[in-house]
Amino acid sequence: MTTSSDVIDDAPEADGDTPLPSATLGGERKRSIEQITLLLFITVPFLAVLAAVPLAWGWGVSWLDLGLLVFFYYLGCHGITIGFHRYFTHGSFKAKRPLRIALAIAGSMAVEGPLVRWVADHRKHHKFSDAEGDPHSPWRFGETVPALMKGLWWAHIGWMFDEEQTPQEKYAPDLIKDSALRTISRQFLLWAGLSLALPALIGGLVTMSWWGAFTGFFWGSLVRVALLHHVTWSINSICHAVGKRPFKSRDRSGNVWWLAVLSCGESWHNLHHAEPTSARHGVERWQVDSSARLIRWFEKFGWAYDVRWPSRSRIDSRRIKAGKDAPREAETAEAA
C-alpha cells in the first residue's frame, strides 16, 4: 500500500533549498488562459489526426515524415515514462545531473504539462488510486455502465479541465526545491514550442521546401502529439477499467498488452500499482518494456545508479495466485 509520504520519500533528492510559491508553477486552480491553452493543445492535434487519413490518401506520407513522427513520439514518450514517471515521481533509480536535466526536458517536450504539476498529480493519484481523492479514476461516478462511460471520459480527458489543482508544495516539494527542475517546469511552454517547431524545421531543411516544413509539422508535431496524448491518457482510463490483474493492488489497475509498445511499457499497469517504485513494469519475459531497457542502458553507462529492479521473490510475493511455475516466469534484474 502506497501512502502519500511513501511516494514523496521515494522521489529523487533535490539540490536546492529555496522553495518557490506554487502560484508561479501553475497554482492550485487553473486560470481561464490555462484552460484555453489546454483546449488548444488537445483539440488542434486531434483535428490533425482526423485529417491524417485523407491527407495520407491524397498526397501520401514520406519516410521523412514518418521518421519525424516516430522519433519525436518516442523521445517524448520515454521522457514521460522514464523521466516524469519512474524517476521524478517514484524514484525508481538515481540519476547523474546531466541525465536528470535531459529527462526533465524530454518529458516537457511530450507536451503533457509542466514537470512539477505532472508529478504532483501522479503522486496524488497513487495516494488515492481509484478511491475518493484520485484526480482521474474512471470509477469516479460509480460502477454502472453509464457511470463507467462517464468515468472513462473523465479519466481520459475531463479531469484536466477541473479548476482545482493538486497542491504542488505538498506532493512535489523535492522538485520545487531544485532550482534547475523548477526552472524547466516554469519554462514548459518554451519546451513545448521547441518540440512542435523542430519537426517543421528539420522537414524544411532536409527537403529545402515550405511543403516539407508543413508536412514535418503536421506528422512530426500535430499527429505525434495527439497520438502520444491519447496513449498516455489511456493508462489513466483504459488501464484502470480493464486488463488482467495478476498482482495484489488496492485499486483496479490492469495490464493491457496491446498498449505496451505505444506506451513504452507503461500499460503493464497492475504490477506498477503493486510495486510503484519498480524500474521495470513488464516483469514477464514476453512483456515489452522499452523504458526499462533504456534505464538498463543508462545504468551500464553509469548515468543511472541504485536502480530498483524487481527481484524474483518480491514479484512472487505480490502475485494473487503464485502457481508452481510462477518463480520461473518472474523476471529478475538481469532480464531487464
C-alpha atoms as a PDB file:
ATOM      1  CA  MET A   1       0.000   0.000   0.000  1.00  0.00           C
ATOM      2  CA  THR A   2       1.427   3.321  -1.066  1.00  0.00           C
ATOM      3  CA  THR A   3       0.891   6.340   1.132  1.00  0.00           C
ATOM      4  CA  SER A   4       1.499   9.982   0.321  1.00  0.00           C
ATOM      5  CA  SER A   5       4.631  10.098   2.452  1.00  0.00           C
ATOM      6  CA  ASP A   6       5.945   6.927   0.813  1.00  0.00           C
ATOM      7  CA  VAL A   7       5.573   8.383  -2.660  1.00  0.00           C
ATOM      8  CA  ILE A   8       7.223  11.668  -1.728  1.00  0.00           C
ATOM      9  CA  ASP A   9      10.009   9.997   0.243  1.00  0.00           C
ATOM     10  CA  ASP A  10      10.758   7.784  -2.758  1.00  0.00           C
ATOM     11  CA  ALA A  11      11.306  10.804  -5.005  1.00  0.00           C
ATOM     12  CA  PRO A  12      14.803  11.881  -6.105  1.00  0.00           C
ATOM     13  CA  GLU A  13      16.719  14.156  -3.782  1.00  0.00           C
ATOM     14  CA  ALA A  14      16.629  17.877  -4.547  1.00  0.00           C
ATOM     15  CA  ASP A  15      19.719  20.019  -4.892  1.00  0.00           C
ATOM     16  CA  GLY A  16      18.426  23.415  -3.846  1.00  0.00           C
ATOM     17  CA  ASP A  17      16.830  24.599  -0.645  1.00  0.00           C
ATOM     18  CA  THR A  18      14.732  27.605  -1.692  1.00  0.00           C
ATOM     19  CA  PRO A  19      11.055  26.779  -2.210  1.00  0.00           C
ATOM     20  CA  LEU A  20       9.078  28.676  -4.817  1.00  0.00           C
ATOM     21  CA  PRO A  21       5.463  29.732  -4.267  1.00  0.00           C
ATOM     22  CA  SER A  22       3.244  27.259  -6.078  1.00  0.00           C
ATOM     23  CA  ALA A  23       1.408  30.062  -7.863  1.00  0.00           C
ATOM     24  CA  THR A  24       4.406  30.569 -10.128  1.00  0.00           C
ATOM     25  CA  LEU A  25       4.272  26.883 -11.067  1.00  0.00           C
ATOM     26  CA  GLY A  26       0.635  26.887 -12.096  1.00  0.00           C
ATOM     27  CA  GLY A  27      -1.134  27.332  -8.790  1.00  0.00           C
ATOM     28  CA  GLU A  28      -3.878  25.212  -7.278  1.00  0.00           C
ATOM     29  CA  ARG A  29      -6.546  26.496  -9.682  1.00  0.00           C
ATOM     30  CA  LYS A  30      -6.446  26.766 -13.445  1.00  0.00           C
ATOM     31  CA  ARG A  31      -6.924  30.256 -14.805  1.00  0.00           C
ATOM     32  CA  SER A  32      -9.011  30.938 -17.911  1.00  0.00           C
ATOM     33  CA  ILE A  33      -5.913  31.372 -20.086  1.00  0.00           C
ATOM     34  CA  GLU A  34      -4.654  27.970 -18.933  1.00  0.00           C
ATOM     35  CA  GLN A  35      -7.997  26.367 -19.758  1.00  0.00           C
ATOM     36  CA  ILE A  36      -7.946  27.873 -23.257  1.00  0.00           C
ATOM     37  CA  THR A  37      -4.331  26.832 -23.842  1.00  0.00           C
ATOM     38  CA  LEU A  38      -5.099  23.303 -22.672  1.00  0.00           C
ATOM     39  CA  LEU A  39      -8.083  23.140 -25.008  1.00  0.00           C
ATOM     40  CA  LEU A  40      -5.898  24.171 -27.945  1.00  0.00           C
ATOM     41  CA  PHE A  41      -3.204  21.620 -27.059  1.00  0.00           C
ATOM     42  CA  ILE A  42      -5.859  18.889 -27.055  1.00  0.00           C
ATOM     43  CA  THR A  43      -8.157  19.802 -29.941  1.00  0.00           C
ATOM     44  CA  VAL A  44      -5.683  21.001 -32.597  1.00  0.00           C
ATOM     45  CA  PRO A  45      -3.569  17.787 -32.631  1.00  0.00           C
ATOM     46  CA  PHE A  46      -6.780  15.715 -32.504  1.00  0.00           C
ATOM     47  CA  LEU A  47      -8.132  17.518 -35.569  1.00  0.00           C
ATOM     48  CA  ALA A  48      -4.827  16.771 -37.279  1.00  0.00           C
ATOM     49  CA  VAL A  49      -5.325  13.057 -36.622  1.00  0.00           C
ATOM     50  CA  LEU A  50      -8.771  13.259 -38.209  1.00  0.00           C
ATOM     51  CA  ALA A  51      -7.202  14.923 -41.243  1.00  0.00           C
ATOM     52  CA  ALA A  52      -4.295  12.471 -41.384  1.00  0.00           C
ATOM     53  CA  VAL A  53      -6.129   9.701 -43.248  1.00  0.00           C
ATOM     54  CA  PRO A  54      -7.418  11.811 -46.175  1.00  0.00           C
ATOM     55  CA  LEU A  55      -4.094  13.681 -46.308  1.00  0.00           C
ATOM     56  CA  ALA A  56      -2.100  10.446 -46.488  1.00  0.00           C
ATOM     57  CA  TRP A  57      -4.555   9.034 -49.051  1.00  0.00           C
ATOM     58  CA  GLY A  58      -4.463  12.096 -51.283  1.00  0.00           C
ATOM     59  CA  TRP A  59      -0.856  13.269 -51.016  1.00  0.00           C
ATOM     60  CA  GLY A  60       0.901  10.384 -49.357  1.00  0.00           C
ATOM     61  CA  VAL A  61       3.295  10.485 -46.424  1.00  0.00           C
ATOM     62  CA  SER A  62       7.060  10.408 -46.846  1.00  0.00           C
ATOM     63  CA  TRP A  63       9.576   8.318 -44.972  1.00  0.00           C
ATOM     64  CA  LEU A  64      10.981  11.556 -43.577  1.00  0.00           C
ATOM     65  CA  ASP A  65       7.596  12.478 -42.116  1.00  0.00           C
ATOM     66  CA  LEU A  66       7.174   9.010 -40.610  1.00  0.00           C
ATOM     67  CA  GLY A  67      10.686   9.163 -39.225  1.00  0.00           C
ATOM     68  CA  LEU A  68      10.000  12.510 -37.572  1.00  0.00           C
ATOM     69  CA  LEU A  69       6.738  11.193 -36.130  1.00  0.00           C
ATOM     70  CA  VAL A  70       8.353   8.052 -34.672  1.00  0.00           C
ATOM     71  CA  PHE A  71      11.496   9.780 -33.362  1.00  0.00           C
ATOM     72  CA  PHE A  72       9.719  12.623 -31.584  1.00  0.00           C
ATOM     73  CA  TYR A  73       6.954  10.287 -30.381  1.00  0.00           C
ATOM     74  CA  TYR A  74       9.369   8.007 -28.560  1.00  0.00           C
ATOM     75  CA  LEU A  75      11.555  10.888 -27.391  1.00  0.00           C
ATOM     76  CA  GLY A  76       8.554  12.410 -25.609  1.00  0.00           C
ATOM     77  CA  CYS A  77       7.130   9.049 -24.572  1.00  0.00           C
ATOM     78  CA  HIS A  78      10.334   7.955 -22.843  1.00  0.00           C
ATOM     79  CA  GLY A  79      10.742  11.442 -21.388  1.00  0.00           C
ATOM     80  CA  ILE A  80       7.395  10.896 -19.690  1.00  0.00           C
ATOM     81  CA  THR A  81       7.726   7.214 -18.759  1.00  0.00           C
ATOM     82  CA  ILE A  82      11.365   7.191 -17.635  1.00  0.00           C
ATOM     83  CA  GLY A  83      11.655  10.812 -16.541  1.00  0.00           C
ATOM     84  CA  PHE A  84       8.399  12.254 -15.268  1.00  0.00           C
ATOM     85  CA  HIS A  85       7.021   8.908 -14.086  1.00  0.00           C
ATOM     86  CA  ARG A  86       9.598   6.348 -12.973  1.00  0.00           C
ATOM     87  CA  TYR A  87      12.316   8.793 -11.933  1.00  0.00           C
ATOM     88  CA  PHE A  88      10.777  12.075 -10.775  1.00  0.00           C
ATOM     89  CA  THR A  89       7.517  10.657  -9.398  1.00  0.00           C
ATOM     90  CA  HIS A  90       8.609   7.333  -7.928  1.00  0.00           C
ATOM     91  CA  GLY A  91      12.403   7.455  -7.595  1.00  0.00           C
ATOM     92  CA  SER A  92      12.884   4.121  -9.367  1.00  0.00           C
ATOM     93  CA  PHE A  93      16.554   4.993  -9.794  1.00  0.00           C
ATOM     94  CA  LYS A  94      19.028   7.774  -9.115  1.00  0.00           C
ATOM     95  CA  ALA A  95      20.456   9.822 -11.971  1.00  0.00           C
ATOM     96  CA  LYS A  96      23.532  11.928 -12.586  1.00  0.00           C
ATOM     97  CA  ARG A  97      22.626  15.577 -13.014  1.00  0.00           C
ATOM     98  CA  PRO A  98      23.001  15.717 -16.856  1.00  0.00           C
ATOM     99  CA  LEU A  99      20.596  12.789 -17.209  1.00  0.00           C
ATOM    100  CA  ARG A 100      18.197  14.367 -14.723  1.00  0.00           C
ATOM    101  CA  ILE A 101      18.082  17.598 -16.730  1.00  0.00           C
ATOM    102  CA  ALA A 102      17.756  15.716 -20.030  1.00  0.00           C
ATOM    103  CA  LEU A 103      14.836  13.672 -18.715  1.00  0.00           C
ATOM    104  CA  ALA A 104      13.077  16.799 -17.458  1.00  0.00           C
ATOM    105  CA  ILE A 105      13.407  18.455 -20.878  1.00  0.00           C
ATOM    106  CA  ALA A 106      12.451  15.331 -22.849  1.00  0.00           C
ATOM    107  CA  GLY A 107       9.349  14.874 -20.691  1.00  0.00           C
ATOM    108  CA  SER A 108       8.399  18.516 -21.187  1.00  0.00           C
ATOM    109  CA  MET A 109       8.646  18.006 -24.959  1.00  0.00           C
ATOM    110  CA  ALA A 110       5.837  15.452 -24.734  1.00  0.00           C
ATOM    111  CA  VAL A 111       3.540  18.486 -24.279  1.00  0.00           C
ATOM    112  CA  GLU A 112       1.712  16.956 -21.300  1.00  0.00           C
ATOM    113  CA  GLY A 113       2.145  19.818 -18.856  1.00  0.00           C
ATOM    114  CA  PRO A 114       4.841  21.235 -16.547  1.00  0.00           C
ATOM    115  CA  LEU A 115       7.050  18.762 -14.684  1.00  0.00           C
ATOM    116  CA  VAL A 116       6.039  19.787 -11.153  1.00  0.00           C
ATOM    117  CA  ARG A 117       2.313  19.708 -11.878  1.00  0.00           C
ATOM    118  CA  TRP A 118       2.572  16.333 -13.672  1.00  0.00           C
ATOM    119  CA  VAL A 119       4.449  14.745 -10.766  1.00  0.00           C
ATOM    120  CA  ALA A 120       2.143  16.224  -8.106  1.00  0.00           C
ATOM    121  CA  ASP A 121      -0.942  14.921  -9.922  1.00  0.00           C
ATOM    122  CA  HIS A 122       0.524  11.452 -10.285  1.00  0.00           C
ATOM    123  CA  ARG A 123       1.644  11.182  -6.675  1.00  0.00           C
ATOM    124  CA  LYS A 124      -1.845  12.157  -5.579  1.00  0.00           C
ATOM    125  CA  HIS A 125      -3.243   9.534  -7.944  1.00  0.00           C
ATOM    126  CA  HIS A 126      -1.188   6.857  -6.200  1.00  0.00           C
ATOM    127  CA  LYS A 127      -2.216   8.019  -2.753  1.00  0.00           C
ATOM    128  CA  PHE A 128      -5.936   7.735  -3.577  1.00  0.00           C
ATOM    129  CA  SER A 129      -5.861   5.343  -6.528  1.00  0.00           C
ATOM    130  CA  ASP A 130      -9.441   4.521  -7.625  1.00  0.00           C
ATOM    131  CA  ALA A 131     -10.776   5.979  -4.379  1.00  0.00           C
ATOM    132  CA  GLU A 132     -12.134   9.356  -3.370  1.00  0.00           C
ATOM    133  CA  GLY A 133      -9.427  11.916  -3.993  1.00  0.00           C
ATOM    134  CA  ASP A 134      -7.985  10.260  -7.105  1.00  0.00           C
ATOM    135  CA  PRO A 135      -7.717  13.013  -9.748  1.00  0.00           C
ATOM    136  CA  HIS A 136      -8.598  10.699 -12.639  1.00  0.00           C
ATOM    137  CA  SER A 137     -10.240   7.414 -11.663  1.00  0.00           C
ATOM    138  CA  PRO A 138     -12.707   6.000 -14.234  1.00  0.00           C
ATOM    139  CA  TRP A 139     -14.771   4.700 -11.279  1.00  0.00           C
ATOM    140  CA  ARG A 140     -15.390   8.218 -10.006  1.00  0.00           C
ATOM    141  CA  PHE A 141     -19.124   8.187 -10.780  1.00  0.00           C
ATOM    142  CA  GLY A 142     -19.982   4.583  -9.928  1.00  0.00           C
ATOM    143  CA  GLU A 143     -19.930   1.097 -11.415  1.00  0.00           C
ATOM    144  CA  THR A 144     -22.982   1.073 -13.678  1.00  0.00           C
ATOM    145  CA  VAL A 145     -22.368   1.141 -17.432  1.00  0.00           C
ATOM    146  CA  PRO A 146     -23.498   4.791 -17.826  1.00  0.00           C
ATOM    147  CA  ALA A 147     -21.422   5.806 -14.798  1.00  0.00           C
ATOM    148  CA  LEU A 148     -18.362   3.974 -16.146  1.00  0.00           C
ATOM    149  CA  MET A 149     -18.736   5.592 -19.572  1.00  0.00           C
ATOM    150  CA  LYS A 150     -18.831   8.984 -17.878  1.00  0.00           C
ATOM    151  CA  GLY A 151     -15.908   7.981 -15.689  1.00  0.00           C
ATOM    152  CA  LEU A 152     -13.810   6.841 -18.637  1.00  0.00           C
ATOM    153  CA  TRP A 153     -14.282  10.217 -20.281  1.00  0.00           C
ATOM    154  CA  TRP A 154     -13.335  11.936 -17.019  1.00  0.00           C
ATOM    155  CA  ALA A 155     -10.220   9.778 -16.546  1.00  0.00           C
ATOM    156  CA  HIS A 156      -9.145  10.193 -20.161  1.00  0.00           C
ATOM    157  CA  ILE A 157      -9.585  13.945 -20.682  1.00  0.00           C
ATOM    158  CA  GLY A 158     -12.194  15.570 -18.439  1.00  0.00           C
ATOM    159  CA  TRP A 159     -10.143  15.717 -15.247  1.00  0.00           C
ATOM    160  CA  MET A 160      -7.610  18.059 -16.842  1.00  0.00           C
ATOM    161  CA  PHE A 161     -10.249  20.784 -17.100  1.00  0.00           C
ATOM    162  CA  ASP A 162     -11.050  20.627 -13.389  1.00  0.00           C
ATOM    163  CA  GLU A 163     -10.276  24.032 -11.890  1.00  0.00           C
ATOM    164  CA  GLU A 164      -8.892  22.629  -8.643  1.00  0.00           C
ATOM    165  CA  GLN A 165      -5.284  21.512  -8.838  1.00  0.00           C
ATOM    166  CA  THR A 166      -3.149  19.202  -6.744  1.00  0.00           C
ATOM    167  CA  PRO A 167      -1.199  21.153  -4.062  1.00  0.00           C
ATOM    168  CA  GLN A 168       2.275  21.109  -5.547  1.00  0.00           C
ATOM    169  CA  GLU A 169       4.142  22.094  -2.381  1.00  0.00           C
ATOM    170  CA  LYS A 170       2.530  19.120  -0.624  1.00  0.00           C
ATOM    171  CA  TYR A 171       3.068  16.488  -3.321  1.00  0.00           C
ATOM    172  CA  ALA A 172       6.235  17.677  -5.075  1.00  0.00           C
ATOM    173  CA  PRO A 173       8.322  19.685  -2.573  1.00  0.00           C
ATOM    174  CA  ASP A 174      11.530  17.960  -3.658  1.00  0.00           C
ATOM    175  CA  LEU A 175      11.149  19.194  -7.240  1.00  0.00           C
ATOM    176  CA  ILE A 176      10.206  22.727  -6.195  1.00  0.00           C
ATOM    177  CA  LYS A 177      13.410  22.951  -4.119  1.00  0.00           C
ATOM    178  CA  ASP A 178      15.586  22.029  -7.111  1.00  0.00           C
ATOM    179  CA  SER A 179      16.273  25.308  -8.932  1.00  0.00           C
ATOM    180  CA  ALA A 180      17.049  23.679 -12.297  1.00  0.00           C
ATOM    181  CA  LEU A 181      13.940  21.496 -12.272  1.00  0.00           C
ATOM    182  CA  ARG A 182      11.852  24.391 -11.056  1.00  0.00           C
ATOM    183  CA  THR A 183      13.069  26.475 -13.986  1.00  0.00           C
ATOM    184  CA  ILE A 184      12.394  23.744 -16.543  1.00  0.00           C
ATOM    185  CA  SER A 185       8.900  23.310 -15.140  1.00  0.00           C
ATOM    186  CA  ARG A 186       8.212  27.039 -15.383  1.00  0.00           C
ATOM    187  CA  GLN A 187       9.547  27.042 -18.951  1.00  0.00           C
ATOM    188  CA  PHE A 188       7.097  24.381 -20.106  1.00  0.00           C
ATOM    189  CA  LEU A 189       5.692  26.479 -22.957  1.00  0.00           C
ATOM    190  CA  LEU A 190       9.227  27.046 -24.262  1.00  0.00           C
ATOM    191  CA  TRP A 191       9.996  23.319 -24.397  1.00  0.00           C
ATOM    192  CA  ALA A 192       6.572  22.509 -25.814  1.00  0.00           C
ATOM    193  CA  GLY A 193       7.076  25.127 -28.521  1.00  0.00           C
ATOM    194  CA  LEU A 194      10.516  23.734 -29.346  1.00  0.00           C
ATOM    195  CA  SER A 195       9.021  20.250 -29.566  1.00  0.00           C
ATOM    196  CA  LEU A 196       6.449  21.468 -32.079  1.00  0.00           C
ATOM    197  CA  ALA A 197       8.905  23.569 -34.097  1.00  0.00           C
ATOM    198  CA  LEU A 198      11.758  21.064 -34.535  1.00  0.00           C
ATOM    199  CA  PRO A 199       9.947  18.617 -36.870  1.00  0.00           C
ATOM    200  CA  ALA A 200       8.943  21.513 -39.148  1.00  0.00           C
ATOM    201  CA  LEU A 201      12.484  22.901 -39.110  1.00  0.00           C
ATOM    202  CA  ILE A 202      14.040  19.524 -39.897  1.00  0.00           C
ATOM    203  CA  GLY A 203      11.473  18.749 -42.588  1.00  0.00           C
ATOM    204  CA  GLY A 204      12.028  22.111 -44.238  1.00  0.00           C
ATOM    205  CA  LEU A 205      15.828  21.906 -44.151  1.00  0.00           C
ATOM    206  CA  VAL A 206      16.011  18.328 -45.439  1.00  0.00           C
ATOM    207  CA  THR A 207      13.638  18.978 -48.347  1.00  0.00           C
ATOM    208  CA  MET A 208      14.578  22.652 -48.745  1.00  0.00           C
ATOM    209  CA  SER A 209      10.891  23.464 -49.176  1.00  0.00           C
ATOM    210  CA  TRP A 210       7.994  25.014 -47.307  1.00  0.00           C
ATOM    211  CA  TRP A 211       5.929  21.924 -48.110  1.00  0.00           C
ATOM    212  CA  GLY A 212       8.483  19.759 -46.336  1.00  0.00           C
ATOM    213  CA  ALA A 213       8.254  22.074 -43.337  1.00  0.00           C
ATOM    214  CA  PHE A 214       4.460  21.831 -43.377  1.00  0.00           C
ATOM    215  CA  THR A 215       4.310  18.033 -43.611  1.00  0.00           C
ATOM    216  CA  GLY A 216       7.057  17.728 -40.992  1.00  0.00           C
ATOM    217  CA  PHE A 217       4.982  19.885 -38.655  1.00  0.00           C
ATOM    218  CA  PHE A 218       1.760  18.025 -39.497  1.00  0.00           C
ATOM    219  CA  TRP A 219       3.083  14.496 -38.915  1.00  0.00           C
ATOM    220  CA  GLY A 220       6.001  15.082 -36.569  1.00  0.00           C
ATOM    221  CA  SER A 221       4.253  17.631 -34.358  1.00  0.00           C
ATOM    222  CA  LEU A 222       0.457  17.604 -34.516  1.00  0.00           C
ATOM    223  CA  VAL A 223      -0.244  13.931 -35.261  1.00  0.00           C
ATOM    224  CA  ARG A 224       2.569  12.818 -32.965  1.00  0.00           C
ATOM    225  CA  VAL A 225       1.332  14.882 -30.024  1.00  0.00           C
ATOM    226  CA  ALA A 226      -2.253  13.667 -30.457  1.00  0.00           C
ATOM    227  CA  LEU A 227      -1.214  10.009 -30.560  1.00  0.00           C
ATOM    228  CA  LEU A 228       1.063  10.348 -27.534  1.00  0.00           C
ATOM    229  CA  HIS A 229      -1.580  12.221 -25.562  1.00  0.00           C
ATOM    230  CA  HIS A 230      -4.242   9.593 -26.099  1.00  0.00           C
ATOM    231  CA  VAL A 231      -1.881   6.711 -25.341  1.00  0.00           C
ATOM    232  CA  THR A 232      -0.816   8.389 -22.090  1.00  0.00           C
ATOM    233  CA  TRP A 233      -4.409   9.194 -21.133  1.00  0.00           C
ATOM    234  CA  SER A 234      -5.370   5.585 -21.891  1.00  0.00           C
ATOM    235  CA  ILE A 235      -3.168   4.494 -18.982  1.00  0.00           C
ATOM    236  CA  ASN A 236      -5.424   6.589 -16.713  1.00  0.00           C
ATOM    237  CA  SER A 237      -8.679   5.397 -18.260  1.00  0.00           C
ATOM    238  CA  ILE A 238      -8.403   2.019 -20.009  1.00  0.00           C
ATOM    239  CA  CYS A 239      -5.751   0.533 -17.708  1.00  0.00           C
ATOM    240  CA  HIS A 240      -7.894   1.290 -14.661  1.00  0.00           C
ATOM    241  CA  ALA A 241     -11.047  -0.176 -16.178  1.00  0.00           C
ATOM    242  CA  VAL A 242      -9.975  -3.368 -17.963  1.00  0.00           C
ATOM    243  CA  GLY A 243      -6.993  -5.702 -18.190  1.00  0.00           C
ATOM    244  CA  LYS A 244      -5.550  -8.640 -16.301  1.00  0.00           C
ATOM    245  CA  ARG A 245      -4.695  -8.219 -12.616  1.00  0.00           C
ATOM    246  CA  PRO A 246      -2.197 -10.919 -11.620  1.00  0.00           C
ATOM    247  CA  PHE A 247      -0.728  -8.857  -8.757  1.00  0.00           C
ATOM    248  CA  LYS A 248      -2.128  -7.589  -5.481  1.00  0.00           C
ATOM    249  CA  SER A 249      -3.003  -3.913  -5.544  1.00  0.00           C
ATOM    250  CA  ARG A 250      -5.566  -1.859  -3.665  1.00  0.00           C
ATOM    251  CA  ASP A 251      -7.077  -0.446  -6.865  1.00  0.00           C
ATOM    252  CA  ARG A 252      -8.343  -1.664 -10.236  1.00  0.00           C
ATOM    253  CA  SER A 253      -5.170  -1.218 -12.254  1.00  0.00           C
ATOM    254  CA  GLY A 254      -4.815  -3.782 -15.033  1.00  0.00           C
ATOM    255  CA  ASN A 255      -2.355  -4.948 -17.681  1.00  0.00           C
ATOM    256  CA  VAL A 256      -3.364  -4.037 -21.241  1.00  0.00           C
ATOM    257  CA  TRP A 257      -0.938  -5.810 -23.568  1.00  0.00           C
ATOM    258  CA  TRP A 258      -1.889  -4.091 -26.816  1.00  0.00           C
ATOM    259  CA  LEU A 259      -0.787  -0.703 -25.446  1.00  0.00           C
ATOM    260  CA  ALA A 260       2.666  -1.902 -24.325  1.00  0.00           C
ATOM    261  CA  VAL A 261       4.737  -0.839 -27.341  1.00  0.00           C
ATOM    262  CA  LEU A 262       3.000   2.514 -27.817  1.00  0.00           C
ATOM    263  CA  SER A 263       3.130   3.302 -24.076  1.00  0.00           C
ATOM    264  CA  CYS A 264       6.830   2.343 -23.739  1.00  0.00           C
ATOM    265  CA  GLY A 265       5.912  -0.340 -21.198  1.00  0.00           C
ATOM    266  CA  GLU A 266       3.517   1.701 -19.052  1.00  0.00           C
ATOM    267  CA  SER A 267       0.465  -0.430 -19.804  1.00  0.00           C
ATOM    268  CA  TRP A 268       1.771  -3.250 -17.592  1.00  0.00           C
ATOM    269  CA  HIS A 269      -0.050  -1.170 -15.044  1.00  0.00           C
ATOM    270  CA  ASN A 270      -1.084  -3.756 -12.475  1.00  0.00           C
ATOM    271  CA  LEU A 271       2.497  -4.525 -11.435  1.00  0.00           C
ATOM    272  CA  HIS A 272       3.236  -0.802 -11.296  1.00  0.00           C
ATOM    273  CA  HIS A 273       0.496  -0.217  -8.735  1.00  0.00           C
ATOM    274  CA  ALA A 274       1.564  -3.309  -6.808  1.00  0.00           C
ATOM    275  CA  GLU A 275       5.193  -2.080  -6.779  1.00  0.00           C
ATOM    276  CA  PRO A 276       5.194   1.665  -7.648  1.00  0.00           C
ATOM    277  CA  THR A 277       8.949   2.173  -7.272  1.00  0.00           C
ATOM    278  CA  SER A 278       9.938  -0.717  -9.554  1.00  0.00           C
ATOM    279  CA  ALA A 279      12.039   0.402 -12.529  1.00  0.00           C
ATOM    280  CA  ARG A 280      10.510  -2.349 -14.642  1.00  0.00           C
ATOM    281  CA  HIS A 281       6.762  -2.667 -15.161  1.00  0.00           C
ATOM    282  CA  GLY A 282       6.627  -5.611 -17.561  1.00  0.00           C
ATOM    283  CA  VAL A 283       8.142  -8.389 -15.476  1.00  0.00           C
ATOM    284  CA  GLU A 284       7.370 -11.423 -17.620  1.00  0.00           C
ATOM    285  CA  ARG A 285       9.839 -12.422 -20.325  1.00  0.00           C
ATOM    286  CA  TRP A 286       7.395 -11.588 -23.092  1.00  0.00           C
ATOM    287  CA  GLN A 287       6.223  -8.236 -21.682  1.00  0.00           C
ATOM    288  CA  VAL A 288       7.797  -5.469 -23.764  1.00  0.00           C
ATOM    289  CA  ASP A 289       9.049  -2.569 -21.646  1.00  0.00           C
ATOM    290  CA  SER A 290      11.318  -0.263 -23.639  1.00  0.00           C
ATOM    291  CA  SER A 291      11.564   2.172 -20.718  1.00  0.00           C
ATOM    292  CA  ALA A 292      13.153  -0.498 -18.529  1.00  0.00           C
ATOM    293  CA  ARG A 293      15.563  -1.383 -21.322  1.00  0.00           C
ATOM    294  CA  LEU A 294      16.723   2.224 -21.617  1.00  0.00           C
ATOM    295  CA  ILE A 295      17.107   2.507 -17.845  1.00  0.00           C
ATOM    296  CA  ARG A 296      19.329  -0.588 -18.022  1.00  0.00           C
ATOM    297  CA  TRP A 297      21.467   1.125 -20.661  1.00  0.00           C
ATOM    298  CA  PHE A 298      21.663   4.292 -18.560  1.00  0.00           C
ATOM    299  CA  GLU A 299      22.836   2.120 -15.669  1.00  0.00           C
ATOM    300  CA  LYS A 300      25.525   0.434 -17.779  1.00  0.00           C
ATOM    301  CA  PHE A 301      26.826   3.831 -18.946  1.00  0.00           C
ATOM    302  CA  GLY A 302      26.976   4.992 -15.331  1.00  0.00           C
ATOM    303  CA  TRP A 303      24.360   7.705 -15.839  1.00  0.00           C
ATOM    304  CA  ALA A 304      21.829   5.952 -13.570  1.00  0.00           C
ATOM    305  CA  TYR A 305      22.526   4.046 -10.366  1.00  0.00           C
ATOM    306  CA  ASP A 306      20.763   2.446  -7.388  1.00  0.00           C
ATOM    307  CA  VAL A 307      18.132   1.174  -9.810  1.00  0.00           C
ATOM    308  CA  ARG A 308      15.211  -0.578  -8.138  1.00  0.00           C
ATOM    309  CA  TRP A 309      14.961  -3.698 -10.269  1.00  0.00           C
ATOM    310  CA  PRO A 310      12.245  -6.132  -9.136  1.00  0.00           C
ATOM    311  CA  SER A 311      13.591  -9.304  -7.562  1.00  0.00           C
ATOM    312  CA  ARG A 312      12.016 -12.682  -8.258  1.00  0.00           C
ATOM    313  CA  SER A 313      10.972 -13.168  -4.642  1.00  0.00           C
ATOM    314  CA  ARG A 314       9.475  -9.694  -4.429  1.00  0.00           C
ATOM    315  CA  ILE A 315       7.419 -10.180  -7.579  1.00  0.00           C
ATOM    316  CA  ASP A 316       6.221 -13.627  -6.491  1.00  0.00           C
ATOM    317  CA  SER A 317       5.123 -12.225  -3.135  1.00  0.00           C
ATOM    318  CA  ARG A 318       2.866  -9.775  -4.964  1.00  0.00           C
ATOM    319  CA  ARG A 319       1.114 -12.404  -7.078  1.00  0.00           C
ATOM    320  CA  ILE A 320      -2.525 -13.072  -6.293  1.00  0.00           C
ATOM    321  CA  LYS A 321      -2.069 -16.767  -7.048  1.00  0.00           C
ATOM    322  CA  ALA A 322       1.516 -17.904  -7.246  1.00  0.00           C
ATOM    323  CA  GLY A 323       1.399 -21.258  -9.031  1.00  0.00           C
ATOM    324  CA  LYS A 324       4.267 -23.671  -9.117  1.00  0.00           C
ATOM    325  CA  ASP A 325       5.573 -22.147 -12.369  1.00  0.00           C
ATOM    326  CA  ALA A 326       5.389 -18.532 -11.160  1.00  0.00           C
ATOM    327  CA  PRO A 327       9.012 -18.326  -9.962  1.00  0.00           C
ATOM    328  CA  ARG A 328      10.253 -19.335 -13.427  1.00  0.00           C
ATOM    329  CA  GLU A 329       8.025 -16.773 -15.115  1.00  0.00           C
ATOM    330  CA  ALA A 330       9.029 -13.806 -12.974  1.00  0.00           C
ATOM    331  CA  GLU A 331      11.852 -11.714 -14.326  1.00  0.00           C
ATOM    332  CA  THR A 332      14.805 -10.543 -12.301  1.00  0.00           C
ATOM    333  CA  ALA A 333      17.029  -7.569 -12.797  1.00  0.00           C
ATOM    334  CA  GLU A 334      19.190  -9.453 -15.299  1.00  0.00           C
ATOM    335  CA  ALA A 335      16.249  -9.750 -17.691  1.00  0.00           C
ATOM    336  CA  ALA A 336      15.511  -6.032 -17.723  1.00  0.00           C
END
